[in-house]
Amino acid sequence: MMKILGRGLITILVLSGVIYYIGNYTMIHKDQVMSVQIEHKEETEGKYYIKVNDQKLQVKDESLWNIMDLDTSYDIQYEWYGEKVPYITQIFVHGEGNLSEGGH
């Protein structure tokens, strides 16, 4: 009887861990940073990236990436899932957009 309970408990723990991992990996995470300056811009294999607060963010639009200025402060909203590089969903010049305070 104790073996059955032990195996059942182990099975429940393993399944819970797998479900948590899969759920966390596939769930879309969202975050934002306010009043940040771009530290670095880079283009790699046709993909465009910026670095803010030591974090790499993908810019999916080359035109947007081209007009981003290193000396300007931005409010940036981004999202990611799993182990993917976060990508920008909204960006405004700081003080000119409507992202709500609540990020970093």
PDB file of N, CA and C in Angstrom:
ATOM      1  N   MET A   1       0.819  -1.191   0.000  1.00  0.00           N
ATOM      2  CA  MET A   1       0.000   0.000   0.000  1.00  0.00           C
ATOM      3  C   MET A   1       0.872   1.267   0.000  1.00  0.00           C
ATOM      4  N   MET A   2       1.957   1.260   0.800  1.00  0.00           N
ATOM      5  CA  MET A   2       2.848   2.421   0.873  1.00  0.00           C
ATOM      6  C   MET A   2       3.582   2.636  -0.449  1.00  0.00           C
ATOM      7  N   LYS A   3       3.906   1.542  -1.160  1.00  0.00           N
ATOM      8  CA  LYS A   3       4.571   1.675  -2.461  1.00  0.00           C
ATOM      9  C   LYS A   3       3.654   2.374  -3.455  1.00  0.00           C
ATOM     10  N   ILE A   4       2.379   2.027  -3.422  1.00  0.00           N
ATOM     11  CA  ILE A   4       1.414   2.643  -4.338  1.00  0.00           C
ATOM     12  C   ILE A   4       1.285   4.133  -4.034  1.00  0.00           C
ATOM     13  N   LEU A   5       1.195   4.495  -2.757  1.00  0.00           N
ATOM     14  CA  LEU A   5       1.102   5.910  -2.380  1.00  0.00           C
ATOM     15  C   LEU A   5       2.379   6.664  -2.756  1.00  0.00           C
ATOM     16  N   GLY A   6       3.526   6.048  -2.542  1.00  0.00           N
ATOM     17  CA  GLY A   6       4.799   6.672  -2.895  1.00  0.00           C
ATOM     18  C   GLY A   6       4.927   6.901  -4.384  1.00  0.00           C
ATOM     19  N   ARG A   7       4.569   5.899  -5.161  1.00  0.00           N
ATOM     20  CA  ARG A   7       4.618   6.041  -6.630  1.00  0.00           C
ATOM     21  C   ARG A   7       3.604   7.068  -7.116  1.00  0.00           C
ATOM     22  N   GLY A   8       2.440   7.064  -6.503  1.00  0.00           N
ATOM     23  CA  GLY A   8       1.415   8.049  -6.872  1.00  0.00           C
ATOM     24  C   GLY A   8       1.879   9.465  -6.581  1.00  0.00           C
ATOM     25  N   LEU A   9       2.503   9.669  -5.422  1.00  0.00           N
ATOM     26  CA  LEU A   9       3.020  10.989  -5.059  1.00  0.00           C
ATOM     27  C   LEU A   9       4.131  11.417  -6.016  1.00  0.00           C
ATOM     28  N   ILE A  10       5.031  10.509  -6.340  1.00  0.00           N
ATOM     29  CA  ILE A  10       6.113  10.823  -7.284  1.00  0.00           C
ATOM     30  C   ILE A  10       5.534  11.165  -8.654  1.00  0.00           C
ATOM     31  N   THR A  11       4.544  10.401  -9.092  1.00  0.00           N
ATOM     32  CA  THR A  11       3.904  10.661 -10.385  1.00  0.00           C
ATOM     33  C   THR A  11       3.261  12.039 -10.395  1.00  0.00           C
ATOM     34  N   ILE A  12       2.561  12.380  -9.335  1.00  0.00           N
ATOM     35  CA  ILE A  12       1.906  13.697  -9.239  1.00  0.00           C
ATOM     36  C   ILE A  12       2.942  14.811  -9.261  1.00  0.00           C
ATOM     37  N   LEU A  13       4.040  14.650  -8.533  1.00  0.00           N
ATOM     38  CA  LEU A  13       5.092  15.671  -8.507  1.00  0.00           C
ATOM     39  C   LEU A  13       5.750  15.837  -9.876  1.00  0.00           C
ATOM     40  N   VAL A  14       6.041  14.738 -10.538  1.00  0.00           N
ATOM     41  CA  VAL A  14       6.669  14.810 -11.860  1.00  0.00           C
ATOM     42  C   VAL A  14       5.717  15.465 -12.862  1.00  0.00           C
ATOM     43  N   LEU A  15       4.461  15.055 -12.870  1.00  0.00           N
ATOM     44  CA  LEU A  15       3.483  15.651 -13.788  1.00  0.00           C
ATOM     45  C   LEU A  15       3.282  17.129 -13.499  1.00  0.00           C
ATOM     46  N   SER A  16       3.253  17.501 -12.233  1.00  0.00           N
ATOM     47  CA  SER A  16       3.116  18.916 -11.877  1.00  0.00           C
ATOM     48  C   SER A  16       4.295  19.719 -12.403  1.00  0.00           C
ATOM     49  N   GLY A  17       5.500  19.170 -12.254  1.00  0.00           N
ATOM     50  CA  GLY A  17       6.689  19.842 -12.759  1.00  0.00           C
ATOM     51  C   GLY A  17       6.672  20.000 -14.270  1.00  0.00           C
ATOM     52  N   VAL A  18       6.270  18.955 -14.970  1.00  0.00           N
ATOM     53  CA  VAL A  18       6.196  19.007 -16.435  1.00  0.00           C
ATOM     54  C   VAL A  18       5.153  20.031 -16.882  1.00  0.00           C
ATOM     55  N   ILE A  19       4.002  20.015 -16.260  1.00  0.00           N
ATOM     56  CA  ILE A  19       2.943  20.966 -16.619  1.00  0.00           C
ATOM     57  C   ILE A  19       3.400  22.395 -16.344  1.00  0.00           C
ATOM     58  N   TYR A  20       4.052  22.632 -15.215  1.00  0.00           N
ATOM     59  CA  TYR A  20       4.562  23.969 -14.890  1.00  0.00           C
ATOM     60  C   TYR A  20       5.585  24.416 -15.932  1.00  0.00           C
ATOM     61  N   TYR A  21       6.526  23.536 -16.273  1.00  0.00           N
ATOM     62  CA  TYR A  21       7.567  23.877 -17.243  1.00  0.00           C
ATOM     63  C   TYR A  21       6.960  24.198 -18.606  1.00  0.00           C
ATOM     64  N   ILE A  22       6.064  23.354 -19.086  1.00  0.00           N
ATOM     65  CA  ILE A  22       5.446  23.582 -20.394  1.00  0.00           C
ATOM     66  C   ILE A  22       4.618  24.860 -20.371  1.00  0.00           C
ATOM     67  N   GLY A  23       3.856  25.066 -19.321  1.00  0.00           N
ATOM     68  CA  GLY A  23       3.041  26.278 -19.211  1.00  0.00           C
ATOM     69  C   GLY A  23       3.886  27.527 -19.169  1.00  0.00           C
ATOM     70  N   ASN A  24       4.970  27.498 -18.422  1.00  0.00           N
ATOM     71  CA  ASN A  24       5.843  28.659 -18.310  1.00  0.00           C
ATOM     72  C   ASN A  24       6.602  28.893 -19.611  1.00  0.00           C
ATOM     73  N   TYR A  25       6.953  27.840 -20.309  1.00  0.00           N
ATOM     74  CA  TYR A  25       7.702  27.954 -21.553  1.00  0.00           C
ATOM     75  C   TYR A  25       6.843  28.517 -22.676  1.00  0.00           C
ATOM     76  N   THR A  26       5.575  28.159 -22.719  1.00  0.00           N
ATOM     77  CA  THR A  26       4.714  28.595 -23.812  1.00  0.00           C
ATOM     78  C   THR A  26       3.935  29.865 -23.484  1.00  0.00           C
ATOM     79  N   MET A  27       3.898  30.265 -22.228  1.00  0.00           N
ATOM     80  CA  MET A  27       3.166  31.471 -21.845  1.00  0.00           C
ATOM     81  C   MET A  27       3.901  32.717 -22.339  1.00  0.00           C
ATOM     82  N   ILE A  28       3.166  33.695 -22.833  1.00  0.00           N
ATOM     83  CA  ILE A  28       3.770  34.947 -23.276  1.00  0.00           C
ATOM     84  C   ILE A  28       3.942  35.854 -22.061  1.00  0.00           C
ATOM     85  N   HIS A  29       5.190  36.271 -21.842  1.00  0.00           N
ATOM     86  CA  HIS A  29       5.518  37.169 -20.741  1.00  0.00           C
ATOM     87  C   HIS A  29       5.594  38.590 -21.293  1.00  0.00           C
ATOM     88  N   LYS A  30       5.140  39.565 -20.509  1.00  0.00           N
ATOM     89  CA  LYS A  30       5.185  40.962 -20.927  1.00  0.00           C
ATOM     90  C   LYS A  30       5.860  41.784 -19.842  1.00  0.00           C
ATOM     91  N   ASP A  31       6.603  42.794 -20.273  1.00  0.00           N
ATOM     92  CA  ASP A  31       7.245  43.707 -19.342  1.00  0.00           C
ATOM     93  C   ASP A  31       7.478  45.028 -20.054  1.00  0.00           C
ATOM     94  N   GLN A  32       7.906  46.018 -19.312  1.00  0.00           N
ATOM     95  CA  GLN A  32       8.206  47.307 -19.914  1.00  0.00           C
ATOM     96  C   GLN A  32       9.298  47.992 -19.116  1.00  0.00           C
ATOM     97  N   VAL A  33       9.991  48.894 -19.779  1.00  0.00           N
ATOM     98  CA  VAL A  33      10.985  49.743 -19.139  1.00  0.00           C
ATOM     99  C   VAL A  33      10.647  51.176 -19.500  1.00  0.00           C
ATOM    100  N   MET A  34      10.832  52.060 -18.550  1.00  0.00           N
ATOM    101  CA  MET A  34      10.474  53.456 -18.747  1.00  0.00           C
ATOM    102  C   MET A  34      11.731  54.321 -18.694  1.00  0.00           C
ATOM    103  N   SER A  35      11.764  55.326 -19.528  1.00  0.00           N
ATOM    104  CA  SER A  35      12.829  56.322 -19.541  1.00  0.00           C
ATOM    105  C   SER A  35      14.220  55.684 -19.627  1.00  0.00           C
ATOM    106  N   VAL A  36      14.425  54.874 -20.653  1.00  0.00           N
ATOM    107  CA  VAL A  36      15.726  54.223 -20.854  1.00  0.00           C
ATOM    108  C   VAL A  36      16.357  54.708 -22.150  1.00  0.00           C
ATOM    109  N   GLN A  37      17.668  54.715 -22.159  1.00  0.00           N
ATOM    110  CA  GLN A  37      18.400  55.046 -23.371  1.00  0.00           C
ATOM    111  C   GLN A  37      18.977  53.762 -23.956  1.00  0.00           C
ATOM    112  N   ILE A  38      19.026  53.720 -25.263  1.00  0.00           N
ATOM    113  CA  ILE A  38      19.591  52.570 -25.964  1.00  0.00           C
ATOM    114  C   ILE A  38      21.099  52.586 -25.770  1.00  0.00           C
ATOM    115  N   GLU A  39      21.627  51.481 -25.264  1.00  0.00           N
ATOM    116  CA  GLU A  39      23.062  51.371 -25.025  1.00  0.00           C
ATOM    117  C   GLU A  39      23.819  50.951 -26.279  1.00  0.00           C
ATOM    118  N   HIS A  40      23.144  50.151 -27.116  1.00  0.00           N
ATOM    119  CA  HIS A  40      23.834  49.572 -28.276  1.00  0.00           C
ATOM    120  C   HIS A  40      22.798  49.126 -29.307  1.00  0.00           C
ATOM    121  N   LYS A  41      23.127  49.269 -30.583  1.00  0.00           N
ATOM    122  CA  LYS A  41      22.293  48.758 -31.676  1.00  0.00           C
ATOM    123  C   LYS A  41      23.121  47.756 -32.468  1.00  0.00           C
ATOM    124  N   GLU A  42      22.462  46.688 -32.927  1.00  0.00           N
ATOM    125  CA  GLU A  42      23.207  45.682 -33.689  1.00  0.00           C
ATOM    126  C   GLU A  42      22.281  44.992 -34.688  1.00  0.00           C
ATOM    127  N   GLU A  43      22.865  44.647 -35.830  1.00  0.00           N
ATOM    128  CA  GLU A  43      22.160  43.885 -36.862  1.00  0.00           C
ATOM    129  C   GLU A  43      22.924  42.586 -37.058  1.00  0.00           C
ATOM    130  N   THR A  44      22.214  41.464 -36.922  1.00  0.00           N
ATOM    131  CA  THR A  44      22.842  40.155 -37.067  1.00  0.00           C
ATOM    132  C   THR A  44      21.970  39.275 -37.951  1.00  0.00           C
ATOM    133  N   GLU A  45      22.512  38.861 -39.077  1.00  0.00           N
ATOM    134  CA  GLU A  45      21.816  37.959 -39.996  1.00  0.00           C
ATOM    135  C   GLU A  45      20.414  38.449 -40.353  1.00  0.00           C
ATOM    136  N   GLY A  46      20.310  39.743 -40.631  1.00  0.00           N
ATOM    137  CA  GLY A  46      19.033  40.311 -41.050  1.00  0.00           C
ATOM    138  C   GLY A  46      18.047  40.565 -39.920  1.00  0.00           C
ATOM    139  N   LYS A  47      18.470  40.395 -38.674  1.00  0.00           N
ATOM    140  CA  LYS A  47      17.624  40.688 -37.517  1.00  0.00           C
ATOM    141  C   LYS A  47      18.219  41.877 -36.782  1.00  0.00           C
ATOM    142  N   TYR A  48      17.343  42.694 -36.196  1.00  0.00           N
ATOM    143  CA  TYR A  48      17.762  43.957 -35.596  1.00  0.00           C
ATOM    144  C   TYR A  48      17.520  43.927 -34.094  1.00  0.00           C
ATOM    145  N   TYR A  49      18.521  44.391 -33.340  1.00  0.00           N
ATOM    146  CA  TYR A  49      18.471  44.337 -31.887  1.00  0.00           C
ATOM    147  C   TYR A  49      18.925  45.657 -31.286  1.00  0.00           C
ATOM    148  N   ILE A  50      18.415  45.936 -30.095  1.00  0.00           N
ATOM    149  CA  ILE A  50      18.929  47.021 -29.283  1.00  0.00           C
ATOM    150  C   ILE A  50      19.238  46.441 -27.909  1.00  0.00           C
ATOM    151  N   LYS A  51      20.051  47.161 -27.175  1.00  0.00           N
ATOM    152  CA  LYS A  51      20.358  46.749 -25.809  1.00  0.00           C
ATOM    153  C   LYS A  51      19.989  47.889 -24.877  1.00  0.00           C
ATOM    154  N   VAL A  52      19.119  47.603 -23.903  1.00  0.00           N
ATOM    155  CA  VAL A  52      18.739  48.566 -22.879  1.00  0.00           C
ATOM    156  C   VAL A  52      18.807  47.872 -21.522  1.00  0.00           C
ATOM    157  N   ASN A  53      19.327  48.580 -20.524  1.00  0.00           N
ATOM    158  CA  ASN A  53      19.458  48.005 -19.177  1.00  0.00           C
ATOM    159  C   ASN A  53      20.098  46.624 -19.214  1.00  0.00           C
ATOM    160  N   ASP A  54      21.134  46.457 -20.018  1.00  0.00           N
ATOM    161  CA  ASP A  54      21.847  45.178 -20.170  1.00  0.00           C
ATOM    162  C   ASP A  54      20.959  44.050 -20.680  1.00  0.00           C
ATOM    163  N   GLN A  55      19.876  44.387 -21.361  1.00  0.00           N
ATOM    164  CA  GLN A  55      18.991  43.369 -21.921  1.00  0.00           C
ATOM    165  C   GLN A  55      18.871  43.578 -23.426  1.00  0.00           C
ATOM    166  N   LYS A  56      18.977  42.487 -24.165  1.00  0.00           N
ATOM    167  CA  LYS A  56      18.870  42.513 -25.618  1.00  0.00           C
ATOM    168  C   LYS A  56      17.403  42.397 -26.002  1.00  0.00           C
ATOM    169  N   LEU A  57      16.915  43.319 -26.847  1.00  0.00           N
ATOM    170  CA  LEU A  57      15.539  43.306 -27.342  1.00  0.00           C
ATOM    171  C   LEU A  57      15.566  43.306 -28.863  1.00  0.00           C
ATOM    172  N   GLN A  58      14.697  42.516 -29.467  1.00  0.00           N
ATOM    173  CA  GLN A  58      14.621  42.473 -30.922  1.00  0.00           C
ATOM    174  C   GLN A  58      13.665  43.551 -31.415  1.00  0.00           C
ATOM    175  N   VAL A  59      14.079  44.230 -32.480  1.00  0.00           N
ATOM    176  CA  VAL A  59      13.236  45.209 -33.167  1.00  0.00           C
ATOM    177  C   VAL A  59      12.850  44.553 -34.482  1.00  0.00           C
ATOM    178  N   LYS A  60      11.565  44.230 -34.655  1.00  0.00           N
ATOM    179  CA  LYS A  60      11.147  43.468 -35.833  1.00  0.00           C
ATOM    180  C   LYS A  60      11.032  44.315 -37.090  1.00  0.00           C
ATOM    181  N   ASP A  61      11.077  45.634 -36.955  1.00  0.00           N
ATOM    182  CA  ASP A  61      10.914  46.531 -38.104  1.00  0.00           C
ATOM    183  C   ASP A  61      12.231  47.287 -38.349  1.00  0.00           C
ATOM    184  N   GLU A  62      12.845  47.037 -39.491  1.00  0.00           N
ATOM    185  CA  GLU A  62      14.118  47.679 -39.814  1.00  0.00           C
ATOM    186  C   GLU A  62      14.001  49.199 -39.832  1.00  0.00           C
ATOM    187  N   SER A  63      12.895  49.726 -40.337  1.00  0.00           N
ATOM    188  CA  SER A  63      12.715  51.181 -40.393  1.00  0.00           C
ATOM    189  C   SER A  63      12.712  51.782 -38.999  1.00  0.00           C
ATOM    190  N   LEU A  64      12.037  51.128 -38.063  1.00  0.00           N
ATOM    191  CA  LEU A  64      12.019  51.599 -36.681  1.00  0.00           C
ATOM    192  C   LEU A  64      13.428  51.543 -36.096  1.00  0.00           C
ATOM    193  N   TRP A  65      14.125  50.456 -36.321  1.00  0.00           N
ATOM    194  CA  TRP A  65      15.484  50.303 -35.812  1.00  0.00           C
ATOM    195  C   TRP A  65      16.384  51.420 -36.345  1.00  0.00           C
ATOM    196  N   ASN A  66      16.202  51.772 -37.629  1.00  0.00           N
ATOM    197  CA  ASN A  66      17.031  52.811 -38.248  1.00  0.00           C
ATOM    198  C   ASN A  66      16.841  54.180 -37.610  1.00  0.00           C
ATOM    199  N   ILE A  67      15.632  54.495 -37.159  1.00  0.00           N
ATOM    200  CA  ILE A  67      15.399  55.835 -36.607  1.00  0.00           C
ATOM    201  C   ILE A  67      15.617  55.913 -35.090  1.00  0.00           C
ATOM    202  N   MET A  68      15.889  54.800 -34.446  1.00  0.00           N
ATOM    203  CA  MET A  68      16.152  54.827 -33.004  1.00  0.00           C
ATOM    204  C   MET A  68      17.484  55.512 -32.752  1.00  0.00           C
ATOM    205  N   ASP A  69      17.469  56.426 -31.790  1.00  0.00           N
ATOM    206  CA  ASP A  69      18.632  57.250 -31.494  1.00  0.00           C
ATOM    207  C   ASP A  69      19.208  56.865 -30.132  1.00  0.00           C
ATOM    208  N   LEU A  70      20.516  56.735 -30.056  1.00  0.00           N
ATOM    209  CA  LEU A  70      21.166  56.360 -28.799  1.00  0.00           C
ATOM    210  C   LEU A  70      21.047  57.447 -27.731  1.00  0.00           C
ATOM    211  N   ASP A  71      20.820  58.690 -28.112  1.00  0.00           N
ATOM    212  CA  ASP A  71      20.774  59.797 -27.156  1.00  0.00           C
ATOM    213  C   ASP A  71      19.361  60.152 -26.704  1.00  0.00           C
ATOM    214  N   THR A  72      18.375  59.373 -27.092  1.00  0.00           N
ATOM    215  CA  THR A  72      16.981  59.665 -26.756  1.00  0.00           C
ATOM    216  C   THR A  72      16.482  58.675 -25.708  1.00  0.00           C
ATOM    217  N   SER A  73      15.667  59.157 -24.760  1.00  0.00           N
ATOM    218  CA  SER A  73      15.052  58.278 -23.760  1.00  0.00           C
ATOM    219  C   SER A  73      13.741  57.730 -24.306  1.00  0.00           C
ATOM    220  N   TYR A  74      13.509  56.430 -24.097  1.00  0.00           N
ATOM    221  CA  TYR A  74      12.322  55.757 -24.609  1.00  0.00           C
ATOM    222  C   TYR A  74      11.573  55.033 -23.492  1.00  0.00           C
ATOM    223  N   ASP A  75      10.284  54.853 -23.698  1.00  0.00           N
ATOM    224  CA  ASP A  75       9.451  53.951 -22.912  1.00  0.00           C
ATOM    225  C   ASP A  75       9.185  52.756 -23.823  1.00  0.00           C
ATOM    226  N   ILE A  76       9.532  51.556 -23.371  1.00  0.00           N
ATOM    227  CA  ILE A  76       9.482  50.383 -24.228  1.00  0.00           C
ATOM    228  C   ILE A  76       8.671  49.279 -23.560  1.00  0.00           C
ATOM    229  N   GLN A  77       7.750  48.715 -24.312  1.00  0.00           N
ATOM    230  CA  GLN A  77       7.013  47.534 -23.865  1.00  0.00           C
ATOM    231  C   GLN A  77       7.462  46.376 -24.745  1.00  0.00           C
ATOM    232  N   TYR A  78       7.699  45.216 -24.120  1.00  0.00           N
ATOM    233  CA  TYR A  78       8.190  44.072 -24.879  1.00  0.00           C
ATOM    234  C   TYR A  78       7.593  42.789 -24.317  1.00  0.00           C
ATOM    235  N   GLU A  79       7.701  41.732 -25.106  1.00  0.00           N
ATOM    236  CA  GLU A  79       7.211  40.428 -24.661  1.00  0.00           C
ATOM    237  C   GLU A  79       8.105  39.324 -25.200  1.00  0.00           C
ATOM    238  N   TRP A  80       7.978  38.149 -24.587  1.00  0.00           N
ATOM    239  CA  TRP A  80       8.760  36.985 -24.990  1.00  0.00           C
ATOM    240  C   TRP A  80       8.076  35.730 -24.481  1.00  0.00           C
ATOM    241  N   TYR A  81       8.516  34.618 -24.994  1.00  0.00           N
ATOM    242  CA  TYR A  81       8.057  33.323 -24.490  1.00  0.00           C
ATOM    243  C   TYR A  81       9.235  32.366 -24.538  1.00  0.00           C
ATOM    244  N   GLY A  82       9.219  31.411 -23.636  1.00  0.00           N
ATOM    245  CA  GLY A  82      10.293  30.422 -23.589  1.00  0.00           C
ATOM    246  C   GLY A  82      11.650  31.073 -23.469  1.00  0.00           C
ATOM    247  N   GLU A  83      12.579  30.621 -24.275  1.00  0.00           N
ATOM    248  CA  GLU A  83      13.946  31.140 -24.248  1.00  0.00           C
ATOM    249  C   GLU A  83      14.210  32.115 -25.400  1.00  0.00           C
ATOM    250  N   LYS A  84      13.160  32.593 -26.045  1.00  0.00           N
ATOM    251  CA  LYS A  84      13.316  33.513 -27.176  1.00  0.00           C
ATOM    252  C   LYS A  84      13.791  34.880 -26.705  1.00  0.00           C
ATOM    253  N   VAL A  85      14.459  35.603 -27.596  1.00  0.00           N
ATOM    254  CA  VAL A  85      14.871  36.978 -27.303  1.00  0.00           C
ATOM    255  C   VAL A  85      13.602  37.836 -27.246  1.00  0.00           C
ATOM    256  N   PRO A  86      13.444  38.636 -26.195  1.00  0.00           N
ATOM    257  CA  PRO A  86      12.261  39.509 -26.119  1.00  0.00           C
ATOM    258  C   PRO A  86      12.205  40.442 -27.324  1.00  0.00           C
ATOM    259  N   TYR A  87      10.979  40.760 -27.767  1.00  0.00           N
ATOM    260  CA  TYR A  87      10.819  41.667 -28.897  1.00  0.00           C
ATOM    261  C   TYR A  87       9.909  42.824 -28.503  1.00  0.00           C
ATOM    262  N   ILE A  88      10.166  43.966 -29.109  1.00  0.00           N
ATOM    263  CA  ILE A  88       9.440  45.203 -28.785  1.00  0.00           C
ATOM    264  C   ILE A  88       8.042  45.141 -29.385  1.00  0.00           C
ATOM    265  N   THR A  89       7.044  45.455 -28.549  1.00  0.00           N
ATOM    266  CA  THR A  89       5.664  45.538 -29.020  1.00  0.00           C
ATOM    267  C   THR A  89       5.197  46.989 -29.120  1.00  0.00           C
ATOM    268  N   GLN A  90       5.732  47.868 -28.263  1.00  0.00           N
ATOM    269  CA  GLN A  90       5.427  49.295 -28.328  1.00  0.00           C
ATOM    270  C   GLN A  90       6.648  50.074 -27.875  1.00  0.00           C
ATOM    271  N   ILE A  91       6.844  51.226 -28.501  1.00  0.00           N
ATOM    272  CA  ILE A  91       7.949  52.100 -28.084  1.00  0.00           C
ATOM    273  C   ILE A  91       7.527  53.541 -28.322  1.00  0.00           C
ATOM    274  N   PHE A  92       7.817  54.383 -27.346  1.00  0.00           N
ATOM    275  CA  PHE A  92       7.519  55.811 -27.436  1.00  0.00           C
ATOM    276  C   PHE A  92       8.722  56.589 -26.935  1.00  0.00           C
ATOM    277  N   VAL A  93       8.896  57.793 -27.456  1.00  0.00           N
ATOM    278  CA  VAL A  93       9.855  58.702 -26.858  1.00  0.00           C
ATOM    279  C   VAL A  93       9.325  59.004 -25.463  1.00  0.00           C
ATOM    280  N   HIS A  94      10.180  58.949 -24.451  1.00  0.00           N
ATOM    281  CA  HIS A  94       9.738  59.122 -23.067  1.00  0.00           C
ATOM    282  C   HIS A  94       8.951  60.422 -22.897  1.00  0.00           C
ATOM    283  N   GLY A  95       7.790  60.300 -22.310  1.00  0.00           N
ATOM    284  CA  GLY A  95       6.931  61.465 -22.054  1.00  0.00           C
ATOM    285  C   GLY A  95       5.963  61.775 -23.175  1.00  0.00           C
ATOM    286  N   GLU A  96       6.086  61.106 -24.317  1.00  0.00           N
ATOM    287  CA  GLU A  96       5.206  61.401 -25.447  1.00  0.00           C
ATOM    288  C   GLU A  96       4.226  60.268 -25.753  1.00  0.00           C
ATOM    289  N   GLY A  97       4.354  59.147 -25.067  1.00  0.00           N
ATOM    290  CA  GLY A  97       3.480  58.012 -25.341  1.00  0.00           C
ATOM    291  C   GLY A  97       2.502  57.791 -24.204  1.00  0.00           C
ATOM    292  N   ASN A  98       1.890  56.607 -24.196  1.00  0.00           N
ATOM    293  CA  ASN A  98       0.904  56.321 -23.180  1.00  0.00           C
ATOM    294  C   ASN A  98       1.134  54.982 -22.479  1.00  0.00           C
ATOM    295  N   LEU A  99       2.373  54.539 -22.339  1.00  0.00           N
ATOM    296  CA  LEU A  99       2.624  53.335 -21.548  1.00  0.00           C
ATOM    297  C   LEU A  99       2.419  53.700 -20.087  1.00  0.00           C
ATOM    298  N   SER A 100       1.729  52.843 -19.351  1.00  0.00           N
ATOM    299  CA  SER A 100       1.496  53.117 -17.949  1.00  0.00           C
ATOM    300  C   SER A 100       2.725  52.750 -17.139  1.00  0.00           C
ATOM    301  N   GLU A 101       2.954  53.448 -16.041  1.00  0.00           N
ATOM    302  CA  GLU A 101       4.049  53.120 -15.133  1.00  0.00           C
ATOM    303  C   GLU A 101       3.754  51.753 -14.536  1.00  0.00           C
ATOM    304  N   GLY A 102       4.760  50.942 -14.364  1.00  0.00           N
ATOM    305  CA  GLY A 102       4.526  49.635 -13.783  1.00  0.00           C
ATOM    306  C   GLY A 102       5.557  48.626 -14.221  1.00  0.00           C
ATOM    307  N   GLY A 103       6.524  49.051 -14.984  1.00  0.00           N
ATOM    308  CA  GLY A 103       7.587  48.154 -15.411  1.00  0.00           C
ATOM    309  C   GLY A 103       8.723  48.201 -14.426  1.00  0.00           C
ATOM    310  N   HIS A 104       9.926  48.212 -14.925  1.00  0.00           N
ATOM    311  CA  HIS A 104      11.110  48.201 -14.066  1.00  0.00           C
ATOM    312  C   HIS A 104      11.287  49.554 -13.431  1.00  0.00           C
TER     313      HIS A 104
END
